[in-house]
Structures are given as structure tokens and as C-alpha cells.
Amino acid sequence: MTIDSFPHKAYDMSAPKPILSRISALHKFNLALKYFPAGTAILEVGSGSGDFANKLERNGYRVTTLDLTGPADIIGDINHWQE
């Protein structure tokens, strides 16, 4: 990926995804293939585990991910800034 991802434990990434999540991801992926040529730069906000971004990259897209879930020290800093 363009930006390094932090491993996080907000949820069990090895758990199977619900069927509606898989259908939604497939629909989004098909839309990307239809409307954006390979090589297009894509910003995925709320990337979670990065599965969708990885699939886009494997198909020739340049992907940057953004997700606020991260190591505890970053989450602690964000919570501190909100006070």
C-alpha cells in the first residue's frame, strides 16, 4: 500500500465477514472496475483490515488508505485531543 498500515486489534480480522459485507465489497469493486481504469489513484477512507484496498492494488490501482483505528497510543492521543 502507499501508506504503511498498522496492525490493530479492534476486531478479529480472521473472523468470516457477514454475507452483506461481502456483497457490498464485491459491488464496490465492480463499480471501480467499471468506472476507473487500472492505474487510477484511489483513496479509501475507513479501510479497516485493508482487504478491499489489497484487492484493488492486485488489480492495478494505486491505493492510499486512511483509518483511525490504530495502535493504542494513537487512539489515546486522539481521545486526549478531544478533551
Protein backbone atom coordinates (compact mmCIF):
# COMPACT_ATOMS: atom_id res chain seq x y z
CA MET A 1 0.00 0.00 0.00
CA THR A 2 1.04 3.57 -0.41
CA ILE A 3 0.85 4.29 3.32
CA ASP A 4 2.02 1.76 5.87
CA SER A 5 -0.78 0.07 7.72
CA PHE A 6 -0.71 -0.51 11.45
CA PRO A 7 -1.87 -3.87 12.71
CA HIS A 8 -4.78 -3.34 15.03
CA LYS A 9 -6.99 -5.48 17.18
CA ALA A 10 -10.25 -3.54 17.07
CA TYR A 11 -11.92 -6.69 15.81
CA ASP A 12 -10.95 -10.23 14.88
CA MET A 13 -9.64 -9.89 11.32
CA SER A 14 -9.60 -13.68 10.88
CA ALA A 15 -13.35 -13.97 11.55
CA PRO A 16 -15.51 -14.52 8.46
CA LYS A 17 -17.21 -11.37 7.21
CA PRO A 18 -21.03 -11.22 7.17
CA ILE A 19 -22.60 -12.01 3.79
CA LEU A 20 -23.91 -8.45 3.31
CA SER A 21 -20.40 -7.06 3.86
CA ARG A 22 -19.02 -9.41 1.22
CA ILE A 23 -21.78 -8.49 -1.25
CA SER A 24 -21.22 -4.78 -0.63
CA ALA A 25 -17.45 -5.11 -1.14
CA LEU A 26 -17.98 -7.04 -4.38
CA HIS A 27 -20.41 -4.38 -5.63
CA LYS A 28 -17.93 -1.57 -4.80
CA PHE A 29 -15.13 -3.48 -6.50
CA ASN A 30 -17.20 -3.99 -9.67
CA LEU A 31 -18.02 -0.27 -9.72
CA ALA A 32 -14.31 0.57 -9.50
CA LEU A 33 -13.56 -1.78 -12.41
CA LYS A 34 -16.38 -0.26 -14.46
CA TYR A 35 -15.64 3.43 -13.94
CA PHE A 36 -11.92 3.70 -13.18
CA PRO A 37 -9.13 2.39 -15.40
CA ALA A 38 -6.29 0.43 -13.82
CA GLY A 39 -3.61 2.80 -12.54
CA THR A 40 -6.16 5.24 -11.08
CA ALA A 41 -5.24 6.60 -7.64
CA ILE A 42 -7.92 5.73 -5.08
CA LEU A 43 -8.26 6.98 -1.50
CA GLU A 44 -10.10 4.51 0.68
CA VAL A 45 -11.36 6.14 3.88
CA GLY A 46 -12.29 3.72 6.64
CA SER A 47 -10.17 0.92 5.23
CA GLY A 48 -10.41 -1.39 8.24
CA SER A 49 -8.37 -4.52 7.64
CA GLY A 50 -7.28 -3.34 4.18
CA ASP A 51 -8.83 -6.30 2.32
CA PHE A 52 -10.60 -4.08 -0.22
CA ALA A 53 -7.52 -1.92 -0.79
CA ASN A 54 -5.36 -5.02 -1.30
CA LYS A 55 -7.81 -6.35 -3.88
CA LEU A 56 -7.74 -3.02 -5.73
CA GLU A 57 -3.93 -3.00 -5.69
CA ARG A 58 -3.77 -6.54 -7.06
CA ASN A 59 -5.85 -5.26 -9.98
CA GLY A 60 -3.56 -2.37 -10.83
CA TYR A 61 -4.97 0.54 -8.81
CA ARG A 62 -2.79 2.86 -6.72
CA VAL A 63 -4.43 2.85 -3.30
CA THR A 64 -3.94 5.04 -0.25
CA THR A 65 -5.80 4.03 2.89
CA LEU A 66 -6.98 6.08 5.84
CA ASP A 67 -8.40 4.60 9.01
CA LEU A 68 -8.45 5.97 12.56
CA THR A 69 -8.20 2.51 14.07
CA GLY A 70 -4.61 2.03 15.05
CA PRO A 71 -2.22 1.26 17.85
CA ALA A 72 -3.40 2.14 21.34
CA ASP A 73 -1.01 5.09 21.63
CA ILE A 74 -2.54 6.77 18.56
CA ILE A 75 -6.08 6.15 19.81
CA GLY A 76 -5.06 7.52 23.19
CA ASP A 77 -3.69 10.66 21.52
CA ILE A 78 -6.91 11.14 19.57
CA ASN A 79 -9.01 10.73 22.72
CA HIS A 80 -6.75 13.24 24.50
CA TRP A 81 -7.20 15.81 21.71
CA GLN A 82 -10.98 15.58 22.05
CA GLU A 83 -10.92 16.64 25.71
